[in-house]
Protein backbone atom coordinates (compact mmCIF):
# COMPACT_ATOMS: atom_id res chain seq x y z
CA UNK A 1 0.00 0.00 0.00
CA UNK A 2 2.69 2.46 0.98
CA UNK A 3 4.63 1.81 -2.22
CA UNK A 4 1.51 2.15 -4.36
CA UNK A 5 0.53 5.45 -2.68
CA UNK A 6 4.03 6.80 -3.15
CA UNK A 7 3.85 6.05 -6.87
CA UNK A 8 0.43 7.66 -7.23
CA UNK A 9 1.66 10.81 -5.50
CA UNK A 10 4.98 10.95 -7.30
CA UNK A 11 3.57 10.76 -10.82
CA UNK A 12 1.55 14.00 -10.75
CA UNK A 13 4.44 15.74 -9.00
CA UNK A 14 6.88 14.56 -11.64
CA UNK A 15 4.53 15.73 -14.41
CA UNK A 16 3.80 19.06 -12.73
CA UNK A 17 7.34 19.97 -11.74
CA UNK A 18 8.64 20.70 -15.29
CA UNK A 19 5.61 22.90 -16.00
CA UNK A 20 6.06 24.88 -12.78
CA UNK A 21 9.78 25.20 -13.44
CA UNK A 22 9.16 26.52 -16.94
CA UNK A 23 6.62 29.04 -15.65
CA UNK A 24 9.06 30.20 -12.99
CA UNK A 25 11.90 30.55 -15.49
CA UNK A 26 9.73 32.27 -18.12
CA UNK A 27 10.11 29.39 -20.57
CA UNK A 28 6.34 29.12 -21.02
CA UNK A 29 6.44 32.49 -22.78
CA UNK A 30 9.83 32.43 -24.48
CA UNK A 31 12.28 29.89 -25.75
CA UNK A 32 11.68 26.76 -27.75
CA UNK A 33 14.57 27.31 -30.11
CA UNK A 34 14.28 26.02 -33.68
CA UNK A 35 11.51 23.56 -32.78
CA UNK A 36 9.37 26.29 -31.23
CA UNK A 37 10.03 28.55 -34.20
CA UNK A 38 9.00 25.76 -36.57
CA UNK A 39 5.78 25.21 -34.63
CA UNK A 40 4.85 28.89 -34.80
CA UNK A 41 5.69 29.14 -38.50
CA UNK A 42 3.78 26.04 -39.55
CA UNK A 43 0.66 26.71 -37.48
CA UNK A 44 0.54 30.28 -38.79
CA UNK A 45 1.04 28.96 -42.30
CA UNK A 46 -1.88 26.56 -41.89
CA UNK A 47 -4.14 29.46 -40.88
CA UNK A 48 -2.91 31.40 -43.91
CA UNK A 49 -3.95 28.56 -46.23
CA UNK A 50 -7.53 28.90 -45.01
CA UNK A 51 -7.51 32.69 -45.36
CA UNK A 52 -5.90 32.56 -48.81
CA UNK A 53 -8.56 30.08 -49.90
CA UNK A 54 -11.26 32.51 -48.72
CA UNK A 55 -9.65 35.34 -50.69
CA UNK A 56 -9.34 33.12 -53.75
CA UNK A 57 -13.04 32.27 -53.50
CA UNK A 58 -13.95 35.96 -53.85
CA UNK A 59 -11.91 36.68 -56.97
CA UNK A 60 -14.18 35.16 -59.67
CA UNK A 61 -17.21 37.01 -58.26
CA UNK A 62 -15.90 40.22 -56.74
CA UNK A 63 -19.15 42.10 -57.35
CA UNK A 64 -20.98 39.89 -54.88
CA UNK A 65 -18.12 39.28 -52.46
CA UNK A 66 -15.99 42.40 -52.62
CA UNK A 67 -16.80 43.09 -48.95
CA UNK A 68 -15.39 39.66 -48.06
CA UNK A 69 -12.33 40.26 -50.24
CA UNK A 70 -11.64 43.52 -48.44
CA UNK A 71 -12.35 42.17 -44.95
CA UNK A 72 -10.28 38.99 -45.26
CA UNK A 73 -7.56 40.92 -47.07
CA UNK A 74 -7.20 43.13 -43.99
CA UNK A 75 -7.63 40.27 -41.53
CA UNK A 76 -4.79 38.32 -43.13
CA UNK A 77 -2.30 41.14 -42.46
CA UNK A 78 -1.91 39.97 -38.86
CA UNK A 79 -0.91 36.34 -39.51
CA UNK A 80 1.15 37.36 -42.56
CA UNK A 81 3.17 39.75 -40.40
CA UNK A 82 3.65 37.03 -37.78
CA UNK A 83 4.79 34.50 -40.35
CA UNK A 84 7.25 36.94 -41.86
CA UNK A 85 8.56 37.66 -38.36
CA UNK A 86 8.99 33.98 -37.49
CA UNK A 87 10.70 33.07 -40.77
CA UNK A 88 12.79 36.23 -40.62
CA UNK A 89 13.89 35.34 -37.09
CA UNK A 90 15.02 31.91 -38.24
CA UNK A 91 16.89 33.50 -41.15
CA UNK A 92 18.72 35.93 -38.87
CA UNK A 93 19.59 33.30 -36.27
CA UNK A 94 20.89 30.89 -38.90
CA UNK A 95 23.06 33.43 -40.71
CA UNK A 96 24.38 34.88 -37.44
CA UNK A 97 25.67 31.38 -36.71
CA UNK A 98 23.43 30.41 -33.81
CA UNK A 99 24.58 26.89 -32.96
CA UNK A 100 21.10 25.42 -32.48
CA UNK A 101 19.76 26.95 -35.70
CA UNK A 102 22.83 25.83 -37.63
CA UNK A 103 22.21 22.29 -36.39
CA UNK A 104 18.59 22.56 -37.53
CA UNK A 105 19.79 23.57 -40.96
CA UNK A 106 18.42 26.12 -43.45
CA UNK A 107 14.97 25.95 -45.07
CA UNK A 108 14.66 24.02 -48.32
CA UNK A 109 16.32 25.49 -51.39
CA UNK A 110 12.96 26.32 -53.03
CA UNK A 111 11.79 28.25 -49.97
CA UNK A 112 15.05 30.22 -49.93
CA UNK A 113 14.80 31.03 -53.63
CA UNK A 114 11.25 32.37 -53.48
CA UNK A 115 11.63 34.16 -50.13
CA UNK A 116 12.63 37.57 -51.63
CA UNK A 117 9.66 37.47 -54.01
CA UNK A 118 7.32 36.58 -51.15
CA UNK A 119 8.56 39.50 -49.04
CA UNK A 120 8.47 42.09 -51.86
CA UNK A 121 5.06 41.01 -53.16
CA UNK A 122 3.65 40.90 -49.62
CA UNK A 123 4.69 44.47 -48.93
CA UNK A 124 3.43 45.54 -52.35
CA UNK A 125 0.01 43.92 -52.16
CA UNK A 126 -0.83 45.30 -48.74
CA UNK A 127 0.54 48.80 -49.39
CA UNK A 128 -1.44 49.08 -52.63
CA UNK A 129 -4.53 47.56 -51.01
CA UNK A 130 -4.46 50.03 -48.14
CA UNK A 131 -3.75 52.81 -50.62
CA UNK A 132 -6.84 51.88 -52.63
CA UNK A 133 -8.99 52.05 -49.50
CA UNK A 134 -7.64 55.51 -48.77
CA UNK A 135 -7.96 57.05 -52.25
CA UNK A 136 -11.26 55.38 -53.14
CA UNK A 137 -12.50 54.06 -56.50
CA UNK A 138 -12.57 57.40 -58.32
CA UNK A 139 -8.77 57.80 -58.07
CA UNK A 140 -7.89 54.14 -58.19
CA UNK A 141 -5.61 54.17 -61.26
CA UNK A 142 -2.76 53.23 -61.51
CA UNK A 143 -2.81 51.79 -57.97
CA UNK A 144 -5.51 49.29 -58.87
CA UNK A 145 -3.34 47.81 -61.62
CA UNK A 146 -0.37 47.60 -59.23
CA UNK A 147 -2.56 45.93 -56.64
CA UNK A 148 -3.81 43.34 -59.11
CA UNK A 149 -0.31 42.51 -60.33
CA UNK A 150 1.24 42.29 -56.88
CA UNK A 151 -1.75 40.32 -55.61
CA UNK A 152 -1.40 37.68 -58.33
CA UNK A 153 2.34 37.36 -57.68
CA UNK A 154 1.76 37.26 -53.93
CA UNK A 155 -0.93 34.56 -54.04
CA UNK A 156 1.19 32.31 -56.25
CA UNK A 157 4.42 32.61 -54.29
CA UNK A 158 2.87 32.81 -50.82
CA UNK A 159 0.91 29.64 -51.61
CA UNK A 160 4.14 27.91 -52.65
CA UNK A 161 5.82 29.19 -49.52
CA UNK A 162 3.04 27.96 -47.23
CA UNK A 163 2.77 24.60 -48.99
CA UNK A 164 6.53 24.20 -48.69
CA UNK A 165 6.13 24.22 -44.91
CA UNK A 166 3.30 21.66 -44.79
CA UNK A 167 5.61 18.65 -44.26
CA UNK A 168 6.69 20.30 -41.01
CA UNK A 169 3.13 20.67 -39.69
CA UNK A 170 2.93 17.07 -38.44
CA UNK A 171 6.33 17.37 -36.77
CA UNK A 172 5.46 20.71 -35.19
CA UNK A 173 2.20 19.34 -33.81
CA UNK A 174 3.77 16.06 -32.69
CA UNK A 175 1.65 13.92 -35.03
CA UNK A 176 3.20 10.51 -35.51
CA UNK A 177 6.20 11.40 -33.33
CA UNK A 178 6.92 8.95 -30.51
CA UNK A 179 8.39 10.51 -27.39
CA UNK A 180 8.45 9.55 -23.72
CA UNK A 181 5.48 10.85 -21.77
CA UNK A 182 7.54 13.39 -19.81
CA UNK A 183 8.52 15.23 -23.00
CA UNK A 184 5.36 15.26 -25.12
CA UNK A 185 4.02 18.78 -25.54
CA UNK A 186 6.72 20.32 -23.35
CA UNK A 187 8.55 22.45 -25.93
CA UNK A 188 9.37 25.71 -24.13
CA UNK A 189 7.53 28.85 -25.16
CA UNK A 190 4.17 27.21 -25.94
CA UNK A 191 2.19 29.90 -24.11
CA UNK A 192 4.17 32.64 -25.83
CA UNK A 193 3.50 31.17 -29.25
CA UNK A 194 -0.24 31.01 -28.57
CA UNK A 195 -0.17 34.61 -27.36
CA UNK A 196 1.67 35.69 -30.53
CA UNK A 197 -0.75 33.80 -32.77
CA UNK A 198 -3.82 35.12 -30.96
CA UNK A 199 -2.42 38.64 -31.01
CA UNK A 200 -1.81 38.43 -34.77
CA UNK A 201 -5.36 37.28 -35.43
CA UNK A 202 -6.89 39.87 -33.11
CA UNK A 203 -4.71 42.60 -34.62
CA UNK A 204 -5.86 41.73 -38.14
CA UNK A 205 -9.49 41.56 -36.98
CA UNK A 206 -9.30 44.96 -35.27
CA UNK A 207 -7.78 46.49 -38.42
CA UNK A 208 -10.50 44.99 -40.62
CA UNK A 209 -13.28 46.15 -38.31
CA UNK A 210 -11.80 49.65 -38.02
CA UNK A 211 -11.69 50.06 -41.81
CA UNK A 212 -15.17 48.71 -42.58
CA UNK A 213 -16.49 52.27 -43.17
CA UNK A 214 -13.98 52.57 -46.03
CA UNK A 215 -15.60 49.62 -47.81
CA UNK A 216 -18.72 51.60 -48.77
CA UNK A 217 -17.30 53.34 -51.83
CA UNK A 218 -16.08 50.03 -53.24
CA UNK A 219 -19.15 47.95 -52.47
CA UNK A 220 -21.74 50.48 -53.68
CA UNK A 221 -21.56 49.65 -57.38
CA UNK A 222 -19.27 46.64 -57.65
CA UNK A 223 -16.56 48.87 -59.10
CA UNK A 224 -14.18 46.03 -59.92
CA UNK A 225 -16.66 44.72 -62.47
CA UNK A 226 -18.08 48.06 -63.61
CA UNK A 227 -15.06 50.19 -64.46
CA UNK A 228 -17.11 52.36 -66.80
CA UNK A 229 -18.96 53.85 -63.84
CA UNK A 230 -15.83 55.83 -62.99
CA UNK A 231 -14.30 56.52 -66.39
C-alpha cells in the first residue's frame, strides 16, 4: 500500500514539476529554439492557407463578395506579419551562426529562392490595397493595376511558400512522433506562441473592423466589375 501510494503521489508531482519550473523561469512564454520557431511558422502557415482560400473564392465574383475580399484581405495582415517575423527570425539566427539553428539547418532550397519574391510582393500587395482604400475608387488608377499585379504574384508565391512548410506541420504538432510521456508537448515557449498567434489574429481583426467604413465606396456599385462607372 505504501509503495503504491508513493507512486500515485509521485507521478503528478513529476509531471507538474517541469511545468512549474518553466513558468518560474519564463520558458512558457519564451524559448523553444528552432523547434518552437517551426511550430509557430507552420501553425501560422496553416491558418494562412484557409484565409488565402477565402480570398481566392472571392476573386471570380468580386461584385458579390468584394466586402469579403476587403475584410479577409485586412484580416490576413496579422498572420502574414507574424509568419514573416517567425521566418525572418530563423533566417537571422541561422546566418548569425546560432549553434542550435545551424544544427537545424536552413529551409529548403525552393523556400530560400522564393523568399525575396514573397517579401516584396507581400509588402506591395498590402501597401497598394491600403492605398486603394484611402484614395477610393474614383482615383484608383494606376494603384488598382499595381494591386492586381502584386496580388497575383503574392498569391502564387505565398501559396508555394506555405505549402513548402506543410511537411513540417505534423512534426510541429507532434503527429506521428513517438516521445516519452515526460517530453510530449513540453517544448518551451508554448504559451508565448499562442499569445503571438492570438495577437496576430486579433490585430488583423481589429484592423479589418476599423476600416469597414472605407468599404462603402467600393461595395456600392461593384466597381471592380463596372469600371465604366468611374471613367
